[in-house]
Amino acid sequence: MRKILAAMAVLVCGFGVLVAEEFGGTIKKVDGDKITVQKRGAKKGEKGEEVTLTVAKDAKITKGKFNKEEKKVEPGEALEGGLKNEVFSKEVNARITEDGGKVTAISVFQFGKKKKE
């Protein structure tokens, strides 16, 4: 019986990992707890589908930072106000994690070089 329960626990955990999806895109609109996202296409410069997603209440909304060694965007410091932050008043690039039909994490970032102060 213990072996069956252990096997079921491993199966459930493995399935949960498979359900989560991480993708890049442009957040075009924020309306309450819903976001409209233009996903990136498979090839550079290509646009993917436009989807509307629900953001979980406990979603982590952060300013993303680019890791040069691994060449990917990682979460940085939390954005004050979450989806109500002024950064969402216009279109913004983001790395989005969706799990079980809800967005669980958003890392906002900008392409290009930083402006000199």
PDB file of N, CA and C in Angstrom:
ATOM      1  N   MET A   1       0.821  -1.196   0.000  1.00  0.00           N
ATOM      2  CA  MET A   1       0.000   0.000   0.000  1.00  0.00           C
ATOM      3  C   MET A   1       0.866   1.262   0.000  1.00  0.00           C
ATOM      4  N   ARG A   2       1.942   1.235   0.777  1.00  0.00           N
ATOM      5  CA  ARG A   2       2.833   2.399   0.837  1.00  0.00           C
ATOM      6  C   ARG A   2       3.482   2.655  -0.525  1.00  0.00           C
ATOM      7  N   LYS A   3       3.841   1.584  -1.215  1.00  0.00           N
ATOM      8  CA  LYS A   3       4.463   1.735  -2.530  1.00  0.00           C
ATOM      9  C   LYS A   3       3.492   2.382  -3.517  1.00  0.00           C
ATOM     10  N   ILE A   4       2.247   2.010  -3.441  1.00  0.00           N
ATOM     11  CA  ILE A   4       1.230   2.582  -4.331  1.00  0.00           C
ATOM     12  C   ILE A   4       1.046   4.067  -4.033  1.00  0.00           C
ATOM     13  N   LEU A   5       0.958   4.421  -2.763  1.00  0.00           N
ATOM     14  CA  LEU A   5       0.816   5.835  -2.387  1.00  0.00           C
ATOM     15  C   LEU A   5       2.029   6.653  -2.811  1.00  0.00           C
ATOM     16  N   ALA A   6       3.219   6.093  -2.639  1.00  0.00           N
ATOM     17  CA  ALA A   6       4.443   6.788  -3.041  1.00  0.00           C
ATOM     18  C   ALA A   6       4.476   6.973  -4.556  1.00  0.00           C
ATOM     19  N   ALA A   7       4.086   5.949  -5.277  1.00  0.00           N
ATOM     20  CA  ALA A   7       4.049   6.036  -6.740  1.00  0.00           C
ATOM     21  C   ALA A   7       3.045   7.081  -7.201  1.00  0.00           C
ATOM     22  N   MET A   8       1.892   7.145  -6.537  1.00  0.00           N
ATOM     23  CA  MET A   8       0.874   8.141  -6.894  1.00  0.00           C
ATOM     24  C   MET A   8       1.380   9.556  -6.622  1.00  0.00           C
ATOM     25  N   ALA A   9       2.092   9.744  -5.518  1.00  0.00           N
ATOM     26  CA  ALA A   9       2.635  11.059  -5.176  1.00  0.00           C
ATOM     27  C   ALA A   9       3.644  11.512  -6.227  1.00  0.00           C
ATOM     28  N   VAL A  10       4.510  10.615  -6.657  1.00  0.00           N
ATOM     29  CA  VAL A  10       5.496  10.932  -7.692  1.00  0.00           C
ATOM     30  C   VAL A  10       4.789  11.269  -9.007  1.00  0.00           C
ATOM     31  N   LEU A  11       3.769  10.517  -9.345  1.00  0.00           N
ATOM     32  CA  LEU A  11       3.018  10.747 -10.568  1.00  0.00           C
ATOM     33  C   LEU A  11       2.336  12.116 -10.555  1.00  0.00           C
ATOM     34  N   VAL A  12       1.720  12.474  -9.456  1.00  0.00           N
ATOM     35  CA  VAL A  12       1.042  13.768  -9.337  1.00  0.00           C
ATOM     36  C   VAL A  12       2.043  14.915  -9.445  1.00  0.00           C
ATOM     37  N   CYS A  13       3.170  14.796  -8.772  1.00  0.00           N
ATOM     38  CA  CYS A  13       4.207  15.838  -8.844  1.00  0.00           C
ATOM     39  C   CYS A  13       4.748  15.962 -10.261  1.00  0.00           C
ATOM     40  N   GLY A  14       4.989  14.851 -10.913  1.00  0.00           N
ATOM     41  CA  GLY A  14       5.484  14.870 -12.294  1.00  0.00           C
ATOM     42  C   GLY A  14       4.477  15.500 -13.233  1.00  0.00           C
ATOM     43  N   PHE A  15       3.215  15.218 -13.071  1.00  0.00           N
ATOM     44  CA  PHE A  15       2.175  15.796 -13.912  1.00  0.00           C
ATOM     45  C   PHE A  15       2.082  17.297 -13.687  1.00  0.00           C
ATOM     46  N   GLY A  16       2.227  17.748 -12.455  1.00  0.00           N
ATOM     47  CA  GLY A  16       2.176  19.185 -12.144  1.00  0.00           C
ATOM     48  C   GLY A  16       3.283  19.951 -12.839  1.00  0.00           C
ATOM     49  N   VAL A  17       4.455  19.352 -12.936  1.00  0.00           N
ATOM     50  CA  VAL A  17       5.569  19.998 -13.624  1.00  0.00           C
ATOM     51  C   VAL A  17       5.293  20.080 -15.122  1.00  0.00           C
ATOM     52  N   LEU A  18       4.680  19.067 -15.683  1.00  0.00           N
ATOM     53  CA  LEU A  18       4.384  19.052 -17.105  1.00  0.00           C
ATOM     54  C   LEU A  18       3.310  20.062 -17.496  1.00  0.00           C
ATOM     55  N   VAL A  19       2.409  20.386 -16.599  1.00  0.00           N
ATOM     56  CA  VAL A  19       1.312  21.288 -16.894  1.00  0.00           C
ATOM     57  C   VAL A  19       1.790  22.738 -16.969  1.00  0.00           C
ATOM     58  N   ALA A  20       2.807  23.109 -16.194  1.00  0.00           N
ATOM     59  CA  ALA A  20       3.303  24.482 -16.166  1.00  0.00           C
ATOM     60  C   ALA A  20       3.939  24.829 -17.509  1.00  0.00           C
ATOM     61  N   GLU A  21       3.685  26.055 -17.970  1.00  0.00           N
ATOM     62  CA  GLU A  21       4.238  26.532 -19.235  1.00  0.00           C
ATOM     63  C   GLU A  21       4.858  27.900 -18.996  1.00  0.00           C
ATOM     64  N   GLU A  22       6.038  28.106 -19.542  1.00  0.00           N
ATOM     65  CA  GLU A  22       6.708  29.397 -19.449  1.00  0.00           C
ATOM     66  C   GLU A  22       6.933  29.895 -20.870  1.00  0.00           C
ATOM     67  N   PHE A  23       6.585  31.152 -21.124  1.00  0.00           N
ATOM     68  CA  PHE A  23       6.741  31.704 -22.465  1.00  0.00           C
ATOM     69  C   PHE A  23       6.970  33.205 -22.398  1.00  0.00           C
ATOM     70  N   GLY A  24       7.496  33.745 -23.477  1.00  0.00           N
ATOM     71  CA  GLY A  24       7.715  35.178 -23.588  1.00  0.00           C
ATOM     72  C   GLY A  24       6.640  35.797 -24.447  1.00  0.00           C
ATOM     73  N   GLY A  25       6.377  37.069 -24.197  1.00  0.00           N
ATOM     74  CA  GLY A  25       5.382  37.763 -24.989  1.00  0.00           C
ATOM     75  C   GLY A  25       5.276  39.219 -24.599  1.00  0.00           C
ATOM     76  N   THR A  26       4.341  39.895 -25.245  1.00  0.00           N
ATOM     77  CA  THR A  26       4.088  41.296 -24.949  1.00  0.00           C
ATOM     78  C   THR A  26       2.726  41.405 -24.289  1.00  0.00           C
ATOM     79  N   ILE A  27       2.706  41.968 -23.078  1.00  0.00           N
ATOM     80  CA  ILE A  27       1.434  42.201 -22.400  1.00  0.00           C
ATOM     81  C   ILE A  27       0.848  43.466 -23.002  1.00  0.00           C
ATOM     82  N   LYS A  28      -0.271  43.323 -23.686  1.00  0.00           N
ATOM     83  CA  LYS A  28      -0.884  44.438 -24.392  1.00  0.00           C
ATOM     84  C   LYS A  28      -1.900  45.187 -23.535  1.00  0.00           C
ATOM     85  N   LYS A  29      -2.563  44.448 -22.625  1.00  0.00           N
ATOM     86  CA  LYS A  29      -3.636  45.066 -21.847  1.00  0.00           C
ATOM     87  C   LYS A  29      -3.803  44.344 -20.517  1.00  0.00           C
ATOM     88  N   VAL A  30      -4.073  45.126 -19.473  1.00  0.00           N
ATOM     89  CA  VAL A  30      -4.378  44.575 -18.156  1.00  0.00           C
ATOM     90  C   VAL A  30      -5.761  45.064 -17.770  1.00  0.00           C
ATOM     91  N   ASP A  31      -6.651  44.136 -17.416  1.00  0.00           N
ATOM     92  CA  ASP A  31      -8.009  44.484 -17.018  1.00  0.00           C
ATOM     93  C   ASP A  31      -8.353  43.680 -15.760  1.00  0.00           C
ATOM     94  N   GLY A  32      -8.146  44.301 -14.592  1.00  0.00           N
ATOM     95  CA  GLY A  32      -8.378  43.598 -13.329  1.00  0.00           C
ATOM     96  C   GLY A  32      -7.365  42.488 -13.152  1.00  0.00           C
ATOM     97  N   ASP A  33      -7.855  41.232 -13.100  1.00  0.00           N
ATOM     98  CA  ASP A  33      -6.938  40.102 -12.962  1.00  0.00           C
ATOM     99  C   ASP A  33      -6.734  39.365 -14.288  1.00  0.00           C
ATOM    100  N   LYS A  34      -7.094  40.005 -15.395  1.00  0.00           N
ATOM    101  CA  LYS A  34      -6.934  39.422 -16.734  1.00  0.00           C
ATOM    102  C   LYS A  34      -5.874  40.203 -17.503  1.00  0.00           C
ATOM    103  N   ILE A  35      -5.036  39.477 -18.244  1.00  0.00           N
ATOM    104  CA  ILE A  35      -4.055  40.121 -19.110  1.00  0.00           C
ATOM    105  C   ILE A  35      -4.220  39.591 -20.528  1.00  0.00           C
ATOM    106  N   THR A  36      -4.016  40.471 -21.502  1.00  0.00           N
ATOM    107  CA  THR A  36      -4.018  40.073 -22.903  1.00  0.00           C
ATOM    108  C   THR A  36      -2.567  40.061 -23.353  1.00  0.00           C
ATOM    109  N   VAL A  37      -2.116  38.904 -23.854  1.00  0.00           N
ATOM    110  CA  VAL A  37      -0.720  38.710 -24.203  1.00  0.00           C
ATOM    111  C   VAL A  37      -0.583  38.296 -25.667  1.00  0.00           C
ATOM    112  N   GLN A  38       0.359  38.943 -26.366  1.00  0.00           N
ATOM    113  CA  GLN A  38       0.752  38.519 -27.714  1.00  0.00           C
ATOM    114  C   GLN A  38       1.976  37.637 -27.526  1.00  0.00           C
ATOM    115  N   LYS A  39       1.801  36.319 -27.686  1.00  0.00           N
ATOM    116  CA  LYS A  39       2.921  35.391 -27.498  1.00  0.00           C
ATOM    117  C   LYS A  39       3.949  35.598 -28.607  1.00  0.00           C
ATOM    118  N   ARG A  40       5.209  35.243 -28.312  1.00  0.00           N
ATOM    119  CA  ARG A  40       6.258  35.294 -29.328  1.00  0.00           C
ATOM    120  C   ARG A  40       6.150  34.071 -30.209  1.00  0.00           C
ATOM    121  N   GLY A  41       6.480  34.249 -31.454  1.00  0.00           N
ATOM    122  CA  GLY A  41       6.453  33.136 -32.397  1.00  0.00           C
ATOM    123  C   GLY A  41       7.660  32.238 -32.252  1.00  0.00           C
ATOM    124  N   ALA A  42       7.673  31.161 -33.012  1.00  0.00           N
ATOM    125  CA  ALA A  42       8.761  30.187 -32.952  1.00  0.00           C
ATOM    126  C   ALA A  42      10.058  30.757 -33.523  1.00  0.00           C
ATOM    127  N   LYS A  43       9.950  31.656 -34.508  1.00  0.00           N
ATOM    128  CA  LYS A  43      11.133  32.250 -35.122  1.00  0.00           C
ATOM    129  C   LYS A  43      11.257  33.708 -34.709  1.00  0.00           C
ATOM    130  N   LYS A  44      12.477  34.218 -34.732  1.00  0.00           N
ATOM    131  CA  LYS A  44      12.743  35.604 -34.351  1.00  0.00           C
ATOM    132  C   LYS A  44      11.934  36.556 -35.237  1.00  0.00           C
ATOM    133  N   GLY A  45      11.262  37.507 -34.595  1.00  0.00           N
ATOM    134  CA  GLY A  45      10.461  38.492 -35.318  1.00  0.00           C
ATOM    135  C   GLY A  45       9.051  38.021 -35.661  1.00  0.00           C
ATOM    136  N   GLU A  46       8.759  36.765 -35.438  1.00  0.00           N
ATOM    137  CA  GLU A  46       7.445  36.198 -35.750  1.00  0.00           C
ATOM    138  C   GLU A  46       6.525  36.355 -34.550  1.00  0.00           C
ATOM    139  N   LYS A  47       5.258  36.700 -34.807  1.00  0.00           N
ATOM    140  CA  LYS A  47       4.285  36.833 -33.723  1.00  0.00           C
ATOM    141  C   LYS A  47       3.507  35.541 -33.561  1.00  0.00           C
ATOM    142  N   GLY A  48       3.208  35.224 -32.309  1.00  0.00           N
ATOM    143  CA  GLY A  48       2.400  34.054 -32.006  1.00  0.00           C
ATOM    144  C   GLY A  48       0.943  34.474 -31.815  1.00  0.00           C
ATOM    145  N   GLU A  49       0.188  33.618 -31.162  1.00  0.00           N
ATOM    146  CA  GLU A  49      -1.229  33.905 -30.948  1.00  0.00           C
ATOM    147  C   GLU A  49      -1.438  34.928 -29.828  1.00  0.00           C
ATOM    148  N   GLU A  50      -2.553  35.631 -29.884  1.00  0.00           N
ATOM    149  CA  GLU A  50      -2.924  36.568 -28.825  1.00  0.00           C
ATOM    150  C   GLU A  50      -3.925  35.858 -27.917  1.00  0.00           C
ATOM    151  N   VAL A  51      -3.621  35.843 -26.604  1.00  0.00           N
ATOM    152  CA  VAL A  51      -4.458  35.128 -25.646  1.00  0.00           C
ATOM    153  C   VAL A  51      -4.792  36.024 -24.458  1.00  0.00           C
ATOM    154  N   THR A  52      -5.922  35.735 -23.813  1.00  0.00           N
ATOM    155  CA  THR A  52      -6.294  36.413 -22.578  1.00  0.00           C
ATOM    156  C   THR A  52      -6.181  35.394 -21.448  1.00  0.00           C
ATOM    157  N   LEU A  53      -5.414  35.761 -20.407  1.00  0.00           N
ATOM    158  CA  LEU A  53      -5.140  34.850 -19.304  1.00  0.00           C
ATOM    159  C   LEU A  53      -5.570  35.462 -17.982  1.00  0.00           C
ATOM    160  N   THR A  54      -5.896  34.599 -17.022  1.00  0.00           N
ATOM    161  CA  THR A  54      -6.244  35.043 -15.673  1.00  0.00           C
ATOM    162  C   THR A  54      -5.011  34.936 -14.784  1.00  0.00           C
ATOM    163  N   VAL A  55      -4.744  35.991 -14.023  1.00  0.00           N
ATOM    164  CA  VAL A  55      -3.592  36.020 -13.122  1.00  0.00           C
ATOM    165  C   VAL A  55      -4.045  35.601 -11.726  1.00  0.00           C
ATOM    166  N   ALA A  56      -3.328  34.646 -11.135  1.00  0.00           N
ATOM    167  CA  ALA A  56      -3.639  34.187  -9.778  1.00  0.00           C
ATOM    168  C   ALA A  56      -3.428  35.320  -8.776  1.00  0.00           C
ATOM    169  N   LYS A  57      -4.210  35.314  -7.699  1.00  0.00           N
ATOM    170  CA  LYS A  57      -4.103  36.363  -6.674  1.00  0.00           C
ATOM    171  C   LYS A  57      -2.717  36.410  -6.043  1.00  0.00           C
ATOM    172  N   ASP A  58      -2.060  35.248  -5.912  1.00  0.00           N
ATOM    173  CA  ASP A  58      -0.740  35.196  -5.282  1.00  0.00           C
ATOM    174  C   ASP A  58       0.407  35.144  -6.301  1.00  0.00           C
ATOM    175  N   ALA A  59       0.146  35.595  -7.533  1.00  0.00           N
ATOM    176  CA  ALA A  59       1.170  35.581  -8.576  1.00  0.00           C
ATOM    177  C   ALA A  59       2.332  36.505  -8.209  1.00  0.00           C
ATOM    178  N   LYS A  60       3.539  36.090  -8.571  1.00  0.00           N
ATOM    179  CA  LYS A  60       4.736  36.892  -8.322  1.00  0.00           C
ATOM    180  C   LYS A  60       4.975  37.782  -9.537  1.00  0.00           C
ATOM    181  N   ILE A  61       4.852  39.079  -9.345  1.00  0.00           N
ATOM    182  CA  ILE A  61       5.039  40.036 -10.429  1.00  0.00           C
ATOM    183  C   ILE A  61       6.316  40.813 -10.127  1.00  0.00           C
ATOM    184  N   THR A  62       7.321  40.608 -10.977  1.00  0.00           N
ATOM    185  CA  THR A  62       8.648  41.144 -10.711  1.00  0.00           C
ATOM    186  C   THR A  62       9.216  41.882 -11.906  1.00  0.00           C
ATOM    187  N   LYS A  63      10.271  42.646 -11.626  1.00  0.00           N
ATOM    188  CA  LYS A  63      11.062  43.259 -12.681  1.00  0.00           C
ATOM    189  C   LYS A  63      12.098  42.208 -13.059  1.00  0.00           C
ATOM    190  N   GLY A  64      12.126  41.816 -14.319  1.00  0.00           N
ATOM    191  CA  GLY A  64      13.049  40.782 -14.750  1.00  0.00           C
ATOM    192  C   GLY A  64      14.446  41.325 -14.973  1.00  0.00           C
ATOM    193  N   LYS A  65      15.422  40.440 -14.841  1.00  0.00           N
ATOM    194  CA  LYS A  65      16.795  40.813 -15.161  1.00  0.00           C
ATOM    195  C   LYS A  65      17.384  39.706 -16.030  1.00  0.00           C
ATOM    196  N   PHE A  66      18.230  40.114 -16.978  1.00  0.00           N
ATOM    197  CA  PHE A  66      18.785  39.175 -17.932  1.00  0.00           C
ATOM    198  C   PHE A  66      20.050  38.543 -17.375  1.00  0.00           C
ATOM    199  N   ASN A  67      20.113  37.220 -17.336  1.00  0.00           N
ATOM    200  CA  ASN A  67      21.287  36.473 -16.900  1.00  0.00           C
ATOM    201  C   ASN A  67      22.132  36.216 -18.143  1.00  0.00           C
ATOM    202  N   LYS A  68      23.280  36.904 -18.251  1.00  0.00           N
ATOM    203  CA  LYS A  68      24.126  36.795 -19.438  1.00  0.00           C
ATOM    204  C   LYS A  68      24.733  35.406 -19.602  1.00  0.00           C
ATOM    205  N   GLU A  69      25.046  34.749 -18.490  1.00  0.00           N
ATOM    206  CA  GLU A  69      25.658  33.426 -18.568  1.00  0.00           C
ATOM    207  C   GLU A  69      24.691  32.378 -19.109  1.00  0.00           C
ATOM    208  N   GLU A  70      23.462  32.394 -18.611  1.00  0.00           N
ATOM    209  CA  GLU A  70      22.472  31.410 -19.046  1.00  0.00           C
ATOM    210  C   GLU A  70      21.608  31.925 -20.192  1.00  0.00           C
ATOM    211  N   LYS A  71      21.761  33.196 -20.538  1.00  0.00           N
ATOM    212  CA  LYS A  71      21.030  33.842 -21.632  1.00  0.00           C
ATOM    213  C   LYS A  71      19.522  33.667 -21.497  1.00  0.00           C
ATOM    214  N   LYS A  72      19.016  34.046 -20.305  1.00  0.00           N
ATOM    215  CA  LYS A  72      17.582  33.996 -20.088  1.00  0.00           C
ATOM    216  C   LYS A  72      17.182  35.045 -19.054  1.00  0.00           C
ATOM    217  N   VAL A  73      15.898  35.377 -19.026  1.00  0.00           N
ATOM    218  CA  VAL A  73      15.363  36.354 -18.082  1.00  0.00           C
ATOM    219  C   VAL A  73      15.017  35.643 -16.784  1.00  0.00           C
ATOM    220  N   GLU A  74      15.449  36.246 -15.661  1.00  0.00           N
ATOM    221  CA  GLU A  74      15.155  35.703 -14.341  1.00  0.00           C
ATOM    222  C   GLU A  74      14.398  36.747 -13.535  1.00  0.00           C
ATOM    223  N   PRO A  75      13.582  36.310 -12.574  1.00  0.00           N
ATOM    224  CA  PRO A  75      12.858  37.272 -11.738  1.00  0.00           C
ATOM    225  C   PRO A  75      13.812  38.100 -10.880  1.00  0.00           C
ATOM    226  N   GLY A  76      13.501  39.380 -10.744  1.00  0.00           N
ATOM    227  CA  GLY A  76      14.289  40.266  -9.899  1.00  0.00           C
ATOM    228  C   GLY A  76      13.444  40.746  -8.735  1.00  0.00           C
ATOM    229  N   GLU A  77      13.497  42.063  -8.463  1.00  0.00           N
ATOM    230  CA  GLU A  77      12.732  42.618  -7.342  1.00  0.00           C
ATOM    231  C   GLU A  77      11.250  42.731  -7.695  1.00  0.00           C
ATOM    232  N   ALA A  78      10.404  42.657  -6.685  1.00  0.00           N
ATOM    233  CA  ALA A  78       8.946  42.718  -6.877  1.00  0.00           C
ATOM    234  C   ALA A  78       8.532  44.098  -7.379  1.00  0.00           C
ATOM    235  N   LEU A  79       7.548  44.125  -8.269  1.00  0.00           N
ATOM    236  CA  LEU A  79       6.988  45.390  -8.747  1.00  0.00           C
ATOM    237  C   LEU A  79       5.934  45.865  -7.755  1.00  0.00           C
ATOM    238  N   GLU A  80       6.107  47.053  -7.246  1.00  0.00           N
ATOM    239  CA  GLU A  80       5.165  47.615  -6.277  1.00  0.00           C
ATOM    240  C   GLU A  80       3.793  47.801  -6.926  1.00  0.00           C
ATOM    241  N   GLY A  81       2.755  47.318  -6.286  1.00  0.00           N
ATOM    242  CA  GLY A  81       1.395  47.456  -6.797  1.00  0.00           C
ATOM    243  C   GLY A  81       0.968  46.329  -7.715  1.00  0.00           C
ATOM    244  N   GLY A  82       1.876  45.418  -8.046  1.00  0.00           N
ATOM    245  CA  GLY A  82       1.530  44.288  -8.908  1.00  0.00           C
ATOM    246  C   GLY A  82       1.030  44.729 -10.267  1.00  0.00           C
ATOM    247  N   LEU A  83      -0.126  44.223 -10.691  1.00  0.00           N
ATOM    248  CA  LEU A  83      -0.686  44.557 -12.001  1.00  0.00           C
ATOM    249  C   LEU A  83      -1.137  46.010 -12.102  1.00  0.00           C
ATOM    250  N   LYS A  84      -1.242  46.700 -10.966  1.00  0.00           N
ATOM    251  CA  LYS A  84      -1.654  48.102 -10.973  1.00  0.00           C
ATOM    252  C   LYS A  84      -0.456  49.048 -11.145  1.00  0.00           C
ATOM    253  N   ASN A  85       0.756  48.501 -11.249  1.00  0.00           N
ATOM    254  CA  ASN A  85       1.953  49.304 -11.434  1.00  0.00           C
ATOM    255  C   ASN A  85       1.860  50.054 -12.760  1.00  0.00           C
ATOM    256  N   GLU A  86       2.416  51.268 -12.801  1.00  0.00           N
ATOM    257  CA  GLU A  86       2.331  52.112 -13.994  1.00  0.00           C
ATOM    258  C   GLU A  86       3.008  51.505 -15.211  1.00  0.00           C
ATOM    259  N   VAL A  87       3.908  50.550 -15.031  1.00  0.00           N
ATOM    260  CA  VAL A  87       4.584  49.916 -16.158  1.00  0.00           C
ATOM    261  C   VAL A  87       3.577  49.217 -17.086  1.00  0.00           C
ATOM    262  N   PHE A  88       2.438  48.793 -16.536  1.00  0.00           N
ATOM    263  CA  PHE A  88       1.415  48.107 -17.327  1.00  0.00           C
ATOM    264  C   PHE A  88       0.453  49.076 -18.031  1.00  0.00           C
ATOM    265  N   SER A  89       0.694  50.387 -17.935  1.00  0.00           N
ATOM    266  CA  SER A  89      -0.156  51.364 -18.615  1.00  0.00           C
ATOM    267  C   SER A  89       0.103  51.370 -20.123  1.00  0.00           C
ATOM    268  N   LYS A  90       1.198  50.741 -20.543  1.00  0.00           N
ATOM    269  CA  LYS A  90       1.514  50.602 -21.965  1.00  0.00           C
ATOM    270  C   LYS A  90       1.944  49.158 -22.211  1.00  0.00           C
ATOM    271  N   GLU A  91       2.183  48.809 -23.470  1.00  0.00           N
ATOM    272  CA  GLU A  91       2.620  47.457 -23.791  1.00  0.00           C
ATOM    273  C   GLU A  91       3.995  47.202 -23.189  1.00  0.00           C
ATOM    274  N   VAL A  92       4.179  46.004 -22.661  1.00  0.00           N
ATOM    275  CA  VAL A  92       5.435  45.679 -21.991  1.00  0.00           C
ATOM    276  C   VAL A  92       5.819  44.228 -22.280  1.00  0.00           C
ATOM    277  N   ASN A  93       7.125  43.980 -22.462  1.00  0.00           N
ATOM    278  CA  ASN A  93       7.637  42.628 -22.680  1.00  0.00           C
ATOM    279  C   ASN A  93       7.715  41.909 -21.349  1.00  0.00           C
ATOM    280  N   ALA A  94       7.410  40.615 -21.361  1.00  0.00           N
ATOM    281  CA  ALA A  94       7.413  39.863 -20.110  1.00  0.00           C
ATOM    282  C   ALA A  94       7.679  38.383 -20.354  1.00  0.00           C
ATOM    283  N   ARG A  95       8.164  37.733 -19.334  1.00  0.00           N
ATOM    284  CA  ARG A  95       8.297  36.276 -19.281  1.00  0.00           C
ATOM    285  C   ARG A  95       7.182  35.815 -18.356  1.00  0.00           C
ATOM    286  N   ILE A  96       6.304  34.957 -18.833  1.00  0.00           N
ATOM    287  CA  ILE A  96       5.091  34.584 -18.109  1.00  0.00           C
ATOM    288  C   ILE A  96       5.094  33.088 -17.816  1.00  0.00           C
ATOM    289  N   THR A  97       4.746  32.732 -16.584  1.00  0.00           N
ATOM    290  CA  THR A  97       4.611  31.328 -16.197  1.00  0.00           C
ATOM    291  C   THR A  97       3.148  31.063 -15.910  1.00  0.00           C
ATOM    292  N   GLU A  98       2.607  30.071 -16.605  1.00  0.00           N
ATOM    293  CA  GLU A  98       1.200  29.692 -16.449  1.00  0.00           C
ATOM    294  C   GLU A  98       1.162  28.267 -15.913  1.00  0.00           C
ATOM    295  N   ASP A  99       0.351  28.048 -14.893  1.00  0.00           N
ATOM    296  CA  ASP A  99       0.250  26.723 -14.288  1.00  0.00           C
ATOM    297  C   ASP A  99      -1.207  26.437 -13.977  1.00  0.00           C
ATOM    298  N   GLY A 100      -1.733  25.391 -14.532  1.00  0.00           N
ATOM    299  CA  GLY A 100      -3.112  24.991 -14.261  1.00  0.00           C
ATOM    300  C   GLY A 100      -4.139  26.005 -14.727  1.00  0.00           C
ATOM    301  N   GLY A 101      -3.849  26.707 -15.826  1.00  0.00           N
ATOM    302  CA  GLY A 101      -4.808  27.666 -16.373  1.00  0.00           C
ATOM    303  C   GLY A 101      -4.726  29.061 -15.770  1.00  0.00           C
ATOM    304  N   LYS A 102      -3.820  29.291 -14.824  1.00  0.00           N
ATOM    305  CA  LYS A 102      -3.654  30.617 -14.211  1.00  0.00           C
ATOM    306  C   LYS A 102      -2.200  31.038 -14.288  1.00  0.00           C
ATOM    307  N   VAL A 103      -1.990  32.347 -14.441  1.00  0.00           N
ATOM    308  CA  VAL A 103      -0.640  32.896 -14.461  1.00  0.00           C
ATOM    309  C   VAL A 103      -0.132  32.950 -13.025  1.00  0.00           C
ATOM    310  N   THR A 104       1.032  32.346 -12.780  1.00  0.00           N
ATOM    311  CA  THR A 104       1.599  32.312 -11.431  1.00  0.00           C
ATOM    312  C   THR A 104       2.796  33.247 -11.273  1.00  0.00           C
ATOM    313  N   ALA A 105       3.387  33.682 -12.403  1.00  0.00           N
ATOM    314  CA  ALA A 105       4.540  34.585 -12.326  1.00  0.00           C
ATOM    315  C   ALA A 105       4.658  35.413 -13.598  1.00  0.00           C
ATOM    316  N   ILE A 106       5.020  36.686 -13.426  1.00  0.00           N
ATOM    317  CA  ILE A 106       5.274  37.593 -14.540  1.00  0.00           C
ATOM    318  C   ILE A 106       6.573  38.328 -14.227  1.00  0.00           C
ATOM    319  N   SER A 107       7.549  38.265 -15.157  1.00  0.00           N
ATOM    320  CA  SER A 107       8.791  39.027 -15.028  1.00  0.00           C
ATOM    321  C   SER A 107       8.849  40.011 -16.184  1.00  0.00           C
ATOM    322  N   VAL A 108       8.726  41.286 -15.870  1.00  0.00           N
ATOM    323  CA  VAL A 108       8.706  42.353 -16.867  1.00  0.00           C
ATOM    324  C   VAL A 108      10.141  42.755 -17.193  1.00  0.00           C
ATOM    325  N   PHE A 109      10.443  42.976 -18.489  1.00  0.00           N
ATOM    326  CA  PHE A 109      11.791  43.381 -18.873  1.00  0.00           C
ATOM    327  C   PHE A 109      11.758  44.234 -20.132  1.00  0.00           C
ATOM    328  N   GLN A 110      12.894  44.884 -20.398  1.00  0.00           N
ATOM    329  CA  GLN A 110      13.042  45.699 -21.603  1.00  0.00           C
ATOM    330  C   GLN A 110      14.209  45.170 -22.409  1.00  0.00           C
ATOM    331  N   PHE A 111      14.072  45.213 -23.729  1.00  0.00           N
ATOM    332  CA  PHE A 111      15.167  44.842 -24.611  1.00  0.00           C
ATOM    333  C   PHE A 111      16.071  46.037 -24.816  1.00  0.00           C
ATOM    334  N   GLY A 112      17.288  45.784 -25.210  1.00  0.00           N
ATOM    335  CA  GLY A 112      18.194  46.877 -25.551  1.00  0.00           C
ATOM    336  C   GLY A 112      19.031  47.326 -24.391  1.00  0.00           C
ATOM    337  N   LYS A 113      19.803  48.381 -24.639  1.00  0.00           N
ATOM    338  CA  LYS A 113      20.720  48.899 -23.633  1.00  0.00           C
ATOM    339  C   LYS A 113      20.011  49.867 -22.706  1.00  0.00           C
ATOM    340  N   LYS A 114      20.547  49.967 -21.500  1.00  0.00           N
ATOM    341  CA  LYS A 114      20.011  50.923 -20.531  1.00  0.00           C
ATOM    342  C   LYS A 114      20.435  52.328 -20.928  1.00  0.00           C
ATOM    343  N   LYS A 115      19.572  53.286 -20.640  1.00  0.00           N
ATOM    344  CA  LYS A 115      19.904  54.682 -20.904  1.00  0.00           C
ATOM    345  C   LYS A 115      20.897  55.181 -19.872  1.00  0.00           C
ATOM    346  N   LYS A 116      21.822  56.020 -20.310  1.00  0.00           N
ATOM    347  CA  LYS A 116      22.784  56.612 -19.390  1.00  0.00           C
ATOM    348  C   LYS A 116      22.127  57.720 -18.607  1.00  0.00           C
ATOM    349  N   GLU A 117      22.456  57.795 -17.333  1.00  0.00           N
ATOM    350  CA  GLU A 117      21.850  58.821 -16.476  1.00  0.00           C
ATOM    351  C   GLU A 117      22.722  60.034 -16.403  1.00  0.00           C
TER     352      GLU A 117
END
